[in-house]
C-alpha cells in the first residue's frame, strides 16, 4: 500500500510539473501570436502604402 501511495505522489508531482510547463508554453504561444499578427498588419500597411522597400532583380533602389 505504501508503494502505491509513493507512486501516486510521484505521478501527481509529475502532472503538476507538466501542467506548469504547458501553461508557460501557452503564454509564450499567445505572445508570439500577438507579435506575428502585429508584424503581418504592419507589413500589410507597408504594402498598401507601396513602400515595401524590397529590391527585386535588376531594379534600382528608389534613391538612384
Protein backbone atom coordinates (compact mmCIF):
# COMPACT_ATOMS: atom_id res chain seq x y z
CA UNK A 1 0.00 0.00 0.00
CA UNK A 2 2.84 2.38 0.87
CA UNK A 3 4.45 1.75 -2.52
CA UNK A 4 1.22 2.73 -4.28
CA UNK A 5 0.98 5.93 -2.26
CA UNK A 6 4.56 6.82 -3.23
CA UNK A 7 3.83 6.18 -6.90
CA UNK A 8 0.67 8.28 -6.76
CA UNK A 9 2.57 11.12 -5.08
CA UNK A 10 5.28 10.93 -7.74
CA UNK A 11 2.73 10.88 -10.56
CA UNK A 12 0.83 13.79 -9.02
CA UNK A 13 4.03 15.83 -8.84
CA UNK A 14 4.88 14.95 -12.44
CA UNK A 15 1.41 16.02 -13.61
CA UNK A 16 1.74 19.32 -11.74
CA UNK A 17 5.17 19.96 -13.27
CA UNK A 18 3.88 19.20 -16.76
CA UNK A 19 0.88 21.43 -16.19
CA UNK A 20 3.22 24.31 -15.33
CA UNK A 21 5.25 23.68 -18.47
CA UNK A 22 2.13 23.64 -20.66
CA UNK A 23 0.84 26.86 -19.08
CA UNK A 24 4.19 28.57 -19.69
CA UNK A 25 4.26 27.37 -23.29
CA UNK A 26 0.71 28.62 -23.87
CA UNK A 27 1.69 32.06 -22.57
CA UNK A 28 4.65 32.13 -24.95
CA UNK A 29 2.49 30.97 -27.87
CA UNK A 30 -0.04 33.72 -27.11
CA UNK A 31 2.71 36.35 -27.02
CA UNK A 32 4.24 35.11 -30.28
CA UNK A 33 0.81 35.01 -31.94
CA UNK A 34 0.16 38.63 -30.98
CA UNK A 35 3.59 39.69 -32.26
CA UNK A 36 3.07 37.85 -35.53
CA UNK A 37 -0.32 39.50 -36.00
CA UNK A 38 1.26 42.91 -35.40
CA UNK A 39 4.01 42.18 -37.93
CA UNK A 40 1.50 40.95 -40.50
CA UNK A 41 -0.59 44.07 -40.03
CA UNK A 42 2.48 46.31 -40.29
CA UNK A 43 3.58 44.56 -43.49
CA UNK A 44 0.08 44.84 -44.97
CA UNK A 45 0.08 48.57 -44.24
CA UNK A 46 3.53 48.92 -45.79
CA UNK A 47 2.38 47.10 -48.93
CA UNK A 48 -0.76 49.24 -49.12
CA UNK A 49 1.40 52.37 -49.00
CA UNK A 50 3.66 50.99 -51.72
CA UNK A 51 6.79 51.33 -49.62
CA UNK A 52 7.70 47.67 -49.35
CA UNK A 53 11.37 48.51 -49.65
CA UNK A 54 12.36 45.21 -51.24
CA UNK A 55 14.58 45.44 -54.33
CA UNK A 56 13.91 42.64 -56.80
CA UNK A 57 16.26 41.54 -59.58
CA UNK A 58 17.81 44.38 -61.56
CA UNK A 59 15.56 47.09 -60.16
CA UNK A 60 17.40 50.12 -58.88
CA UNK A 61 16.63 51.30 -55.36
CA UNK A 62 14.45 54.43 -55.22
CA UNK A 63 17.35 56.69 -54.16
CA UNK A 64 19.07 56.35 -57.59
